[in-house]
């Protein structure tokens, strides 16, 4: 195991534990994980009960990653010591960028100045490192080219940074829960992670790609396989649920170095006497018998890679919690699969103008279920996602958009038999008799009888384990974190939260919804942590020689 360089510093954090403390299955591999030199003192990572004292501490990890989707997987890959270099035969189509890359050819990209390399690049992400990494992995992709990556990867085990990636399900995150009948919006090769081409993986499974776009279940299997084939399994723990992530403090004058929680009131009074220390990560693992085993971890750094699909956005109107109102495609798909909606004359109401809402329209349409499609925007609104998708590549979405434009409701007409759109409308309320009240921008109200309703207006990340539910990390601290309107505010090149040191965020939390861009977050975080680790080693060497 490539963790020898960290054993000495980590071993000092271990303690003896009483027989009454809980030991969970989640960390049974700890001895192997940190190396057999730790001896027999620790059989597994102890999980501290929610009621136990903080002094019953365990090992302090350099990094804990919360979320095991593509963001968390890619970060684990790079923290495990994989380093990207400019390929010897590669010539990047951007001559200025290629000239910069040639200057540092002997260095991995992780060891180069990301701000310098990113300067002048443009792309579909607002994060410069995301644009940089994407253009290295997929040169000129936005111009329709399929150039190979200019990078090649080396495993350099001395760069390994010990870490754990915690996720609710198998590696791949939300991709395991997505509707299986819909094609991905991105091409298959844009969904791939460094070091394993998606097409190569598909061909190894003796399956043929019928087109560039693929089903989510294929992507989910690819991510799960990726973790295995890259040797990352030791870093991943499934079925884990985080309940709190909090900062620990220590008195500057304390000689024992004990970390402790400080009340907010005490913190404000004694702030000058306290210094920030490590993170305490609490949660539980759901084990085979359905029971919950609590745990407590300590980390120098925490990376948030949770995505934004945890909490579907609500309209916050009367009757929205009635049983016929769904808030996700899996719920809607399950109802159709069980035959609950087939053959009913009453239409399904679908709310939203994004691609998920379009998926729901297609799903209903293909099952001969009449649709009422309600959205607040005009059909000519230039910000509609359909206007950004080429017709040849996304014919099904343009079919929905065509219906939105041509089959809209008129006061002088009735509902169409298969699909009727209601642009510039919103839902006022749902009623227990399965009716809904719609209102137009002019104030005109209409009542319709439904067989079901599906509200698909976006989603929010679940950051309930952070103070203030993570709102304080956003650009607008009075609003919840959202991908589009209020992402986590980060340093553009390190992905460290501006308002919280040693806390990082990547992926949709910082506005990168597409897999091809979220990989840049892994590069930024890895460079930051590797640079700090190098500085620590230099300080220690100076102290020892001084």
Protein backbone atom coordinates (compact mmCIF):
# COMPACT_ATOMS: atom_id res chain seq x y z
CA UNK A 1 0.00 0.00 0.00
CA UNK A 2 1.44 3.39 -1.00
CA UNK A 3 0.90 5.05 2.37
CA UNK A 4 4.29 4.46 4.00
CA UNK A 5 5.20 8.16 3.98
CA UNK A 6 2.30 9.03 6.27
CA UNK A 7 2.36 6.19 8.79
CA UNK A 8 4.55 7.85 11.37
CA UNK A 9 2.48 11.01 11.56
CA UNK A 10 -0.82 9.13 11.62
CA UNK A 11 0.16 6.52 14.16
CA UNK A 12 0.42 9.14 16.88
CA UNK A 13 -3.33 9.74 16.67
CA UNK A 14 -4.29 6.22 17.76
CA UNK A 15 -5.44 5.50 21.30
CA UNK A 16 -6.61 2.59 23.39
CA UNK A 17 -10.35 2.05 23.46
CA UNK A 18 -12.63 0.58 26.07
CA UNK A 19 -14.60 -2.57 25.38
CA UNK A 20 -17.85 -0.61 25.45
CA UNK A 21 -17.03 1.42 22.35
CA UNK A 22 -18.70 0.53 19.09
CA UNK A 23 -16.62 -0.95 16.30
CA UNK A 24 -18.45 -0.95 12.96
CA UNK A 25 -17.94 -2.88 9.80
CA UNK A 26 -17.41 0.32 7.85
CA UNK A 27 -13.71 0.50 8.80
CA UNK A 28 -12.76 -3.15 9.30
CA UNK A 29 -10.00 -2.73 6.75
CA UNK A 30 -8.18 -0.01 8.68
CA UNK A 31 -5.09 -2.06 9.50
CA UNK A 32 -4.60 -2.93 5.83
CA UNK A 33 -5.49 0.60 4.81
CA UNK A 34 -2.84 2.31 6.91
CA UNK A 35 -0.31 -0.49 6.84
CA UNK A 36 0.47 -3.47 9.00
CA UNK A 37 3.20 -1.56 10.86
CA UNK A 38 0.53 -0.17 13.14
CA UNK A 39 0.51 -3.57 14.82
CA UNK A 40 -2.34 -5.16 16.68
CA UNK A 41 -3.35 -2.14 18.74
CA UNK A 42 -6.12 -1.27 16.32
CA UNK A 43 -8.37 -3.94 14.84
CA UNK A 44 -10.75 -1.55 13.12
CA UNK A 45 -11.49 2.13 13.08
CA UNK A 46 -13.60 2.72 16.19
CA UNK A 47 -16.94 4.36 15.65
CA UNK A 48 -17.75 6.74 18.45
CA UNK A 49 -21.31 6.64 19.75
CA UNK A 50 -23.28 9.87 19.32
CA UNK A 51 -23.33 10.26 23.12
CA UNK A 52 -19.69 9.48 23.79
CA UNK A 53 -17.06 12.04 24.69
CA UNK A 54 -15.05 13.76 21.98
CA UNK A 55 -11.83 12.73 23.73
CA UNK A 56 -12.49 9.18 22.54
CA UNK A 57 -10.87 10.19 19.26
CA UNK A 58 -9.65 7.99 16.44
CA UNK A 59 -7.20 8.45 13.59
CA UNK A 60 -7.09 11.85 11.90
CA UNK A 61 -7.28 11.42 8.13
CA UNK A 62 -5.68 13.93 5.78
CA UNK A 63 -8.84 14.01 3.63
CA UNK A 64 -12.47 12.86 3.91
CA UNK A 65 -14.53 13.15 0.71
CA UNK A 66 -18.31 13.30 1.14
CA UNK A 67 -20.00 11.94 -1.98
CA UNK A 68 -18.93 9.06 -4.24
CA UNK A 69 -20.21 10.24 -7.62
CA UNK A 70 -17.87 11.14 -10.49
CA UNK A 71 -16.48 14.16 -8.57
CA UNK A 72 -15.50 12.03 -5.57
CA UNK A 73 -14.18 9.22 -7.77
CA UNK A 74 -11.98 11.54 -9.83
CA UNK A 75 -10.64 13.22 -6.69
CA UNK A 76 -9.79 9.82 -5.19
CA UNK A 77 -7.98 8.87 -8.42
CA UNK A 78 -5.72 11.91 -8.20
CA UNK A 79 -5.22 11.73 -4.42
CA UNK A 80 -4.12 8.12 -4.96
CA UNK A 81 -1.06 9.38 -6.81
CA UNK A 82 -2.15 9.37 -10.46
CA UNK A 83 -0.52 12.32 -12.21
CA UNK A 84 -1.22 13.78 -15.69
CA UNK A 85 1.66 14.71 -17.99
CA UNK A 86 1.74 16.12 -21.50
CA UNK A 87 2.04 13.18 -23.90
CA UNK A 88 5.30 13.13 -25.84
CA UNK A 89 3.58 13.03 -29.23
CA UNK A 90 0.70 15.37 -28.35
CA UNK A 91 0.17 18.76 -29.99
CA UNK A 92 -2.70 20.77 -28.53
CA UNK A 93 -4.73 22.64 -31.20
CA UNK A 94 -4.51 25.79 -29.03
CA UNK A 95 -1.00 26.96 -29.93
CA UNK A 96 -0.64 29.33 -26.95
CA UNK A 97 -1.71 26.65 -24.47
CA UNK A 98 0.58 24.11 -26.12
CA UNK A 99 3.52 26.50 -25.79
CA UNK A 100 2.81 26.85 -22.07
CA UNK A 101 2.54 23.07 -21.68
CA UNK A 102 5.90 22.61 -23.43
CA UNK A 103 7.53 24.91 -20.88
CA UNK A 104 6.61 22.51 -18.08
CA UNK A 105 6.72 19.25 -20.01
CA UNK A 106 8.90 17.62 -17.31
CA UNK A 107 6.28 18.44 -14.65
CA UNK A 108 2.87 16.91 -14.08
CA UNK A 109 -0.07 19.29 -14.55
CA UNK A 110 -0.64 19.04 -10.77
CA UNK A 111 2.77 20.64 -10.20
CA UNK A 112 2.25 23.53 -12.61
CA UNK A 113 0.71 26.99 -12.23
CA UNK A 114 -2.97 26.39 -13.01
CA UNK A 115 -3.74 30.10 -13.19
CA UNK A 116 -1.06 30.58 -15.83
CA UNK A 117 -2.26 27.61 -17.88
CA UNK A 118 -5.93 28.66 -17.61
CA UNK A 119 -5.38 32.24 -18.70
CA UNK A 120 -7.27 33.15 -21.86
CA UNK A 121 -9.22 29.89 -22.16
CA UNK A 122 -12.98 29.95 -22.72
CA UNK A 123 -15.57 27.23 -22.19
CA UNK A 124 -18.96 26.32 -20.80
CA UNK A 125 -17.86 26.45 -17.17
CA UNK A 126 -17.34 29.56 -15.07
CA UNK A 127 -14.47 27.81 -13.26
CA UNK A 128 -11.15 28.35 -15.10
CA UNK A 129 -9.50 25.10 -13.93
CA UNK A 130 -12.55 23.16 -15.13
CA UNK A 131 -12.17 24.73 -18.58
CA UNK A 132 -8.42 24.03 -18.56
CA UNK A 133 -8.73 20.36 -17.63
CA UNK A 134 -11.57 19.83 -20.10
CA UNK A 135 -9.58 21.30 -22.97
CA UNK A 136 -6.64 19.04 -22.07
CA UNK A 137 -8.86 15.95 -21.94
CA UNK A 138 -11.16 16.90 -24.85
CA UNK A 139 -9.43 19.50 -27.05
CA UNK A 140 -11.85 21.70 -29.03
CA UNK A 141 -14.81 19.50 -28.04
CA UNK A 142 -17.19 22.47 -28.20
CA UNK A 143 -16.32 22.90 -31.88
CA UNK A 144 -17.46 19.36 -32.63
CA UNK A 145 -14.01 17.77 -32.76
CA UNK A 146 -13.14 14.44 -31.18
CA UNK A 147 -9.41 14.98 -30.67
CA UNK A 148 -7.67 12.60 -28.27
CA UNK A 149 -6.52 13.81 -24.87
CA UNK A 150 -3.07 15.41 -24.83
CA UNK A 151 -2.39 13.87 -21.41
CA UNK A 152 -1.00 10.56 -20.27
CA UNK A 153 -1.22 9.34 -16.69
CA UNK A 154 1.44 7.92 -14.36
CA UNK A 155 0.88 6.31 -10.96
CA UNK A 156 3.39 7.95 -8.61
CA UNK A 157 2.82 6.23 -5.29
CA UNK A 158 4.88 8.71 -3.28
CA UNK A 159 2.17 11.30 -4.02
CA UNK A 160 -0.52 9.20 -2.33
CA UNK A 161 -2.58 11.19 0.18
CA UNK A 162 -4.61 8.92 2.52
CA UNK A 163 -8.33 9.61 2.22
CA UNK A 164 -11.79 8.08 2.50
CA UNK A 165 -14.70 8.61 0.12
CA UNK A 166 -18.09 8.20 1.82
CA UNK A 167 -21.24 7.56 -0.21
CA UNK A 168 -24.81 6.43 0.35
CA UNK A 169 -24.72 3.80 -2.39
CA UNK A 170 -22.18 2.17 -4.73
CA UNK A 171 -19.52 4.32 -6.46
CA UNK A 172 -21.23 6.42 -9.10
CA UNK A 173 -23.54 8.28 -6.76
CA UNK A 174 -26.81 9.53 -8.24
CA UNK A 175 -26.14 7.79 -11.57
CA UNK A 176 -27.39 4.57 -9.98
CA UNK A 177 -30.78 6.20 -9.31
CA UNK A 178 -31.43 7.85 -12.66
CA UNK A 179 -34.24 6.87 -15.00
CA UNK A 180 -32.87 4.02 -17.09
CA UNK A 181 -34.86 4.60 -20.28
CA UNK A 182 -33.48 8.06 -21.06
CA UNK A 183 -30.25 8.84 -22.90
CA UNK A 184 -27.59 11.00 -21.27
CA UNK A 185 -27.44 14.61 -22.38
CA UNK A 186 -23.65 14.34 -22.81
CA UNK A 187 -21.74 12.03 -25.10
CA UNK A 188 -20.41 8.83 -23.55
CA UNK A 189 -16.78 9.92 -23.91
CA UNK A 190 -17.57 13.18 -22.07
CA UNK A 191 -18.79 11.12 -19.11
CA UNK A 192 -15.57 9.14 -18.81
CA UNK A 193 -12.97 9.61 -16.10
CA UNK A 194 -9.18 9.87 -16.59
CA UNK A 195 -7.27 6.71 -17.47
CA UNK A 196 -10.15 4.57 -18.77
CA UNK A 197 -11.89 5.38 -22.04
CA UNK A 198 -15.61 4.73 -21.91
CA UNK A 199 -15.63 3.17 -25.38
CA UNK A 200 -12.84 0.78 -24.40
CA UNK A 201 -14.82 -0.29 -21.33
CA UNK A 202 -17.98 -0.81 -23.39
CA UNK A 203 -16.14 -2.92 -25.96
CA UNK A 204 -14.55 -5.00 -23.19
CA UNK A 205 -18.09 -5.83 -22.04
CA UNK A 206 -18.87 -6.99 -25.59
CA UNK A 207 -21.53 -4.35 -25.99
CA UNK A 208 -21.73 -2.02 -28.95
CA UNK A 209 -22.54 1.67 -28.72
CA UNK A 210 -25.39 2.47 -31.10
CA UNK A 211 -24.66 6.19 -30.81
CA UNK A 212 -22.58 8.72 -28.93
CA UNK A 213 -25.17 9.09 -26.16
CA UNK A 214 -25.79 6.27 -23.70
CA UNK A 215 -28.13 5.17 -20.94
CA UNK A 216 -27.46 6.25 -17.35
CA UNK A 217 -27.25 2.62 -16.19
CA UNK A 218 -24.25 2.13 -18.52
CA UNK A 219 -22.53 5.15 -16.99
CA UNK A 220 -23.30 3.93 -13.45
CA UNK A 221 -21.73 0.53 -14.21
CA UNK A 222 -18.71 2.24 -15.76
CA UNK A 223 -18.10 4.36 -12.63
CA UNK A 224 -18.41 1.32 -10.36
CA UNK A 225 -15.98 -0.63 -12.53
CA UNK A 226 -13.61 2.35 -12.71
CA UNK A 227 -13.14 2.36 -8.92
CA UNK A 228 -12.30 -1.34 -9.02
CA UNK A 229 -9.97 -1.38 -12.03
CA UNK A 230 -8.04 1.68 -10.80
CA UNK A 231 -7.47 0.08 -7.41
CA UNK A 232 -9.40 2.71 -5.48
CA UNK A 233 -11.72 0.37 -3.51
CA UNK A 234 -9.75 0.71 -0.29
CA UNK A 235 -10.68 4.40 -0.22
CA UNK A 236 -14.44 3.91 -0.66
CA UNK A 237 -17.12 3.14 1.92
CA UNK A 238 -20.74 2.57 0.86
CA UNK A 239 -24.03 2.88 2.77
CA UNK A 240 -22.72 5.81 4.81
CA UNK A 241 -24.88 8.76 5.82
CA UNK A 242 -23.37 11.96 7.21
CA UNK A 243 -25.19 13.65 10.09
CA UNK A 244 -22.73 16.41 11.00
CA UNK A 245 -19.48 17.98 9.87
CA UNK A 246 -18.17 20.47 12.41
CA UNK A 247 -14.99 22.37 13.11
CA UNK A 248 -12.92 21.49 16.18
CA UNK A 249 -11.05 24.10 18.17
CA UNK A 250 -8.13 24.01 20.58
CA UNK A 251 -6.91 26.40 23.27
CA UNK A 252 -3.66 27.96 22.11
CA UNK A 253 -2.16 27.35 25.54
CA UNK A 254 -3.25 23.70 25.76
CA UNK A 255 -0.29 21.42 26.04
CA UNK A 256 -2.23 18.22 25.53
CA UNK A 257 -3.33 19.17 22.01
CA UNK A 258 -6.89 18.02 22.68
CA UNK A 259 -9.48 19.09 20.15
CA UNK A 260 -12.92 19.91 21.45
CA UNK A 261 -16.26 21.32 20.41
CA UNK A 262 -16.93 24.86 21.56
CA UNK A 263 -20.39 26.35 21.98
CA UNK A 264 -21.19 29.33 19.78
CA UNK A 265 -21.45 31.65 22.79
CA UNK A 266 -18.16 30.43 24.23
CA UNK A 267 -16.57 30.70 20.81
CA UNK A 268 -17.50 34.36 20.47
CA UNK A 269 -16.22 35.18 23.95
CA UNK A 270 -13.01 33.16 23.74
CA UNK A 271 -12.32 33.45 20.02
CA UNK A 272 -8.98 35.17 20.52
CA UNK A 273 -7.75 32.25 22.62
CA UNK A 274 -8.77 29.53 20.20
CA UNK A 275 -7.32 28.28 16.93
CA UNK A 276 -9.10 26.20 14.32
CA UNK A 277 -8.09 22.57 14.14
CA UNK A 278 -9.49 19.53 12.39
CA UNK A 279 -12.94 18.53 11.22
CA UNK A 280 -15.19 16.10 13.06
CA UNK A 281 -17.33 14.02 10.69
CA UNK A 282 -20.21 12.10 12.28
CA UNK A 283 -22.72 9.77 10.68
CA UNK A 284 -23.84 6.18 10.49
CA UNK A 285 -23.50 3.19 8.25
CA UNK A 286 -26.51 1.14 7.28
CA UNK A 287 -25.49 -2.50 7.64
CA UNK A 288 -26.96 -5.67 6.13
CA UNK A 289 -29.62 -6.21 8.80
CA UNK A 290 -30.93 -2.65 8.30
CA UNK A 291 -29.52 -1.30 11.55
CA UNK A 292 -27.49 1.88 11.80
CA UNK A 293 -23.92 1.84 13.15
CA UNK A 294 -22.78 5.34 14.17
CA UNK A 295 -19.25 6.54 13.50
CA UNK A 296 -17.03 9.53 14.14
CA UNK A 297 -14.07 10.49 11.95
CA UNK A 298 -11.53 13.27 12.19
CA UNK A 299 -10.04 14.93 9.14
CA UNK A 300 -7.60 17.69 8.36
CA UNK A 301 -9.54 18.49 5.18
CA UNK A 302 -13.07 17.77 3.98
CA UNK A 303 -14.12 17.81 0.32
CA UNK A 304 -17.82 18.23 -0.49
CA UNK A 305 -18.73 16.25 -3.61
CA UNK A 306 -22.40 15.60 -2.86
CA UNK A 307 -23.97 16.74 -6.13
CA UNK A 308 -27.32 18.52 -6.09
CA UNK A 309 -29.88 15.77 -6.63
CA UNK A 310 -30.63 15.00 -2.97
CA UNK A 311 -33.59 17.33 -2.40
CA UNK A 312 -36.01 18.04 -5.28
CA UNK A 313 -37.17 21.65 -5.36
CA UNK A 314 -40.79 22.26 -4.37
CA UNK A 315 -43.32 24.82 -5.54
CA UNK A 316 -44.22 25.50 -1.88
CA UNK A 317 -47.94 25.62 -2.61
CA UNK A 318 -51.09 24.14 -1.09
CA UNK A 319 -51.59 20.41 -1.67
CA UNK A 320 -48.08 19.70 -2.90
CA UNK A 321 -47.69 16.89 -0.37
CA UNK A 322 -50.74 14.99 -1.66
CA UNK A 323 -49.96 11.41 -2.76
CA UNK A 324 -50.64 12.00 -6.47
CA UNK A 325 -47.92 14.71 -6.66
CA UNK A 326 -44.43 13.38 -7.53
CA UNK A 327 -41.12 15.23 -7.41
CA UNK A 328 -38.75 12.95 -9.30
CA UNK A 329 -38.52 10.88 -12.46
CA UNK A 330 -37.98 7.59 -10.55
CA UNK A 331 -41.27 8.15 -8.67
CA UNK A 332 -43.10 8.93 -11.88
CA UNK A 333 -41.48 6.04 -13.74
CA UNK A 334 -42.40 3.63 -10.94
CA UNK A 335 -46.06 4.72 -11.09
CA UNK A 336 -46.12 4.12 -14.85
CA UNK A 337 -44.30 0.80 -14.45
CA UNK A 338 -46.96 -0.40 -12.02
CA UNK A 339 -49.66 0.48 -14.57
CA UNK A 340 -51.31 3.07 -12.31
CA UNK A 341 -51.60 5.74 -15.01
CA UNK A 342 -52.23 3.74 -18.18
CA UNK A 343 -55.64 4.00 -19.79
CA UNK A 344 -56.75 7.00 -17.70
CA UNK A 345 -58.51 9.81 -19.50
CA UNK A 346 -57.31 12.48 -17.08
CA UNK A 347 -53.95 13.98 -18.04
CA UNK A 348 -50.69 14.04 -16.10
CA UNK A 349 -49.54 17.52 -15.13
CA UNK A 350 -45.79 18.08 -15.69
CA UNK A 351 -44.24 21.24 -14.25
CA UNK A 352 -40.87 22.54 -15.48
CA UNK A 353 -39.02 23.58 -18.64
CA UNK A 354 -35.73 21.74 -18.24
CA UNK A 355 -34.48 18.44 -19.60
CA UNK A 356 -35.84 16.36 -16.70
CA UNK A 357 -39.30 17.76 -17.35
CA UNK A 358 -38.82 16.97 -21.04
CA UNK A 359 -37.87 13.39 -20.07
CA UNK A 360 -41.15 13.14 -18.13
CA UNK A 361 -43.09 14.44 -21.14
CA UNK A 362 -41.46 11.82 -23.37
CA UNK A 363 -42.09 9.11 -20.82
CA UNK A 364 -45.79 9.94 -20.60
CA UNK A 365 -46.10 10.51 -24.34
CA UNK A 366 -44.52 7.13 -25.13
CA UNK A 367 -46.96 5.43 -22.75
CA UNK A 368 -50.01 7.11 -24.33
CA UNK A 369 -50.68 9.22 -21.25
CA UNK A 370 -52.07 12.70 -22.04
CA UNK A 371 -49.92 15.59 -20.75
CA UNK A 372 -50.52 19.10 -19.45
CA UNK A 373 -47.10 20.80 -19.51
CA UNK A 374 -46.82 23.94 -17.37
CA UNK A 375 -43.81 26.28 -17.28
CA UNK A 376 -43.23 29.93 -16.38
CA UNK A 377 -41.10 30.98 -19.34
CA UNK A 378 -42.04 32.03 -22.86
CA UNK A 379 -41.31 29.44 -25.54
CA UNK A 380 -39.08 32.04 -27.22
CA UNK A 381 -36.97 32.55 -24.08
CA UNK A 382 -33.32 32.32 -25.27
CA UNK A 383 -32.24 30.75 -21.97
CA UNK A 384 -34.30 27.59 -22.56
CA UNK A 385 -31.93 24.62 -22.67
CA UNK A 386 -33.44 23.33 -25.92
CA UNK A 387 -31.96 26.29 -27.80
CA UNK A 388 -28.47 25.14 -26.80
CA UNK A 389 -28.84 21.57 -28.13
CA UNK A 390 -28.11 20.65 -31.79
CA UNK A 391 -31.21 19.15 -33.42
CA UNK A 392 -29.36 16.27 -35.06
CA UNK A 393 -27.86 15.05 -31.79
CA UNK A 394 -30.92 15.57 -29.59
CA UNK A 395 -33.99 14.89 -31.76
CA UNK A 396 -36.21 13.75 -28.87
CA UNK A 397 -35.70 16.98 -26.92
CA UNK A 398 -36.40 19.07 -29.99
CA UNK A 399 -39.57 17.05 -30.47
CA UNK A 400 -40.69 18.17 -27.01
CA UNK A 401 -39.68 21.76 -27.72
CA UNK A 402 -41.62 21.68 -31.00
CA UNK A 403 -44.73 20.53 -29.09
CA UNK A 404 -44.18 23.24 -26.48
CA UNK A 405 -44.23 25.84 -29.26
CA UNK A 406 -47.02 24.47 -31.47
CA UNK A 407 -49.42 22.75 -29.08
CA UNK A 408 -49.99 25.47 -26.53
CA UNK A 409 -53.31 26.05 -24.76
CA UNK A 410 -55.70 28.64 -26.07
CA UNK A 411 -58.69 30.11 -24.24
CA UNK A 412 -60.76 29.38 -27.32
CA UNK A 413 -59.77 25.69 -27.47
CA UNK A 414 -59.82 22.59 -25.29
CA UNK A 415 -57.02 20.31 -24.20
CA UNK A 416 -55.40 18.34 -26.99
CA UNK A 417 -55.65 14.57 -26.79
CA UNK A 418 -51.94 13.84 -26.27
CA UNK A 419 -50.12 17.00 -25.16
CA UNK A 420 -50.95 20.61 -24.31
CA UNK A 421 -48.41 23.20 -23.18
CA UNK A 422 -49.13 26.13 -20.86
CA UNK A 423 -46.31 28.68 -21.34
CA UNK A 424 -46.12 31.54 -18.82
CA UNK A 425 -48.34 29.69 -16.34
CA UNK A 426 -47.82 28.49 -12.79
CA UNK A 427 -49.66 26.15 -10.43
CA UNK A 428 -51.62 27.88 -7.67
CA UNK A 429 -52.63 24.75 -5.72
CA UNK A 430 -53.41 21.03 -5.77
CA UNK A 431 -56.67 19.73 -4.32
CA UNK A 432 -57.45 16.43 -2.60
CA UNK A 433 -59.97 15.55 -5.34
CA UNK A 434 -56.98 15.40 -7.75
CA UNK A 435 -57.63 18.78 -9.29
CA UNK A 436 -55.17 21.62 -9.81
CA UNK A 437 -55.58 25.35 -10.32
CA UNK A 438 -53.37 27.02 -12.93
CA UNK A 439 -52.89 30.75 -13.39
CA UNK A 440 -51.58 32.56 -16.47
CA UNK A 441 -49.31 35.58 -16.46
CA UNK A 442 -52.40 37.70 -17.12
CA UNK A 443 -54.12 36.32 -14.00
CA UNK A 444 -56.58 33.99 -15.74
CA UNK A 445 -57.26 30.83 -13.70
CA UNK A 446 -58.14 27.34 -14.92
CA UNK A 447 -59.05 24.14 -13.07
CA UNK A 448 -58.13 20.69 -14.40
CA UNK A 449 -58.71 17.14 -13.19
CA UNK A 450 -55.52 15.07 -13.11
CA UNK A 451 -54.41 11.47 -12.88
CA UNK A 452 -51.04 12.61 -11.41
CA UNK A 453 -48.70 15.58 -11.19
CA UNK A 454 -44.91 15.65 -11.59
CA UNK A 455 -43.03 18.72 -10.32
CA UNK A 456 -39.56 18.85 -11.92
CA UNK A 457 -38.19 22.33 -11.30
CA UNK A 458 -34.68 21.47 -10.17
CA UNK A 459 -33.12 20.21 -6.96
CA UNK A 460 -30.97 21.29 -4.05
CA UNK A 461 -28.01 19.57 -2.42
CA UNK A 462 -28.54 18.16 1.05
CA UNK A 463 -26.02 19.99 3.20
CA UNK A 464 -27.98 19.58 6.43
CA UNK A 465 -24.87 18.16 8.09
CA UNK A 466 -23.20 21.61 7.94
CA UNK A 467 -23.99 24.60 10.11
CA UNK A 468 -26.73 26.77 8.61
CA UNK A 469 -27.30 23.87 6.18
CA UNK A 470 -24.29 25.14 4.27
CA UNK A 471 -25.98 28.41 3.24
CA UNK A 472 -23.13 30.48 4.67
CA UNK A 473 -20.78 28.96 2.06
CA UNK A 474 -22.69 30.43 -0.89
CA UNK A 475 -22.38 33.78 -2.61
CA UNK A 476 -25.71 34.72 -1.02
CA UNK A 477 -25.59 33.40 2.56
CA UNK A 478 -29.32 34.00 3.07
CA UNK A 479 -30.30 31.51 0.36
CA UNK A 480 -29.86 27.71 -0.01
CA UNK A 481 -26.98 26.44 -2.14
CA UNK A 482 -28.04 25.80 -5.74
CA UNK A 483 -26.00 24.98 -8.82
CA UNK A 484 -27.25 27.83 -10.99
CA UNK A 485 -28.20 30.74 -8.75
CA UNK A 486 -26.18 30.32 -5.54
CA UNK A 487 -23.21 27.93 -5.80
CA UNK A 488 -20.59 27.51 -3.09
CA UNK A 489 -18.11 30.38 -3.24
CA UNK A 490 -14.64 28.93 -3.82
CA UNK A 491 -11.13 30.01 -4.68
CA UNK A 492 -11.03 29.74 -8.47
CA UNK A 493 -7.83 27.65 -8.54
CA UNK A 494 -7.86 25.58 -5.33
CA UNK A 495 -11.63 24.97 -4.92
CA UNK A 496 -11.26 25.77 -1.22
CA UNK A 497 -14.33 27.46 0.25
CA UNK A 498 -13.76 31.20 0.58
CA UNK A 499 -15.59 31.27 3.92
CA UNK A 500 -14.14 28.08 5.44
CA UNK A 501 -10.49 27.02 5.33
CA UNK A 502 -9.69 23.32 4.71
CA UNK A 503 -13.20 22.77 3.34
CA UNK A 504 -13.37 22.18 -0.41
CA UNK A 505 -16.30 21.90 -2.81
CA UNK A 506 -16.46 20.57 -6.37
CA UNK A 507 -18.92 19.41 -9.01
CA UNK A 508 -22.49 20.74 -9.12
CA UNK A 509 -22.00 22.50 -5.77
CA UNK A 510 -19.75 25.00 -7.56
CA UNK A 511 -21.80 25.20 -10.76
CA UNK A 512 -20.28 22.32 -12.73
CA UNK A 513 -23.20 20.05 -13.59
CA UNK A 514 -21.54 18.24 -16.48
CA UNK A 515 -19.05 15.44 -15.79
CA UNK A 516 -16.59 16.81 -18.35
CA UNK A 517 -16.14 19.95 -16.21
CA UNK A 518 -16.35 18.60 -12.67
CA UNK A 519 -13.02 16.80 -13.22
CA UNK A 520 -11.32 20.18 -12.97
CA UNK A 521 -12.33 20.35 -9.32
CA UNK A 522 -10.32 17.21 -8.61
CA UNK A 523 -7.26 18.81 -10.24
CA UNK A 524 -7.62 22.04 -8.25
CA UNK A 525 -8.12 20.29 -4.89
CA UNK A 526 -5.27 17.83 -5.50
CA UNK A 527 -2.82 20.58 -6.43
CA UNK A 528 -3.76 22.58 -3.33
CA UNK A 529 -3.37 19.61 -0.95
CA UNK A 530 -0.17 18.38 -2.60
CA UNK A 531 1.38 21.87 -2.36
CA UNK A 532 0.49 22.15 1.33
CA UNK A 533 1.81 18.65 2.03
CA UNK A 534 5.10 19.59 0.36
CA UNK A 535 5.37 22.73 2.50
CA UNK A 536 4.73 20.69 5.67
CA UNK A 537 7.55 18.30 4.80
CA UNK A 538 9.89 21.24 4.16
CA UNK A 539 9.00 22.80 7.52
CA UNK A 540 9.65 19.51 9.32
CA UNK A 541 13.00 19.10 7.59
CA UNK A 542 14.00 22.65 8.56
CA UNK A 543 13.00 22.02 12.19
CA UNK A 544 14.97 18.79 12.30
CA UNK A 545 18.10 20.31 10.73
CA UNK A 546 17.71 23.62 12.59
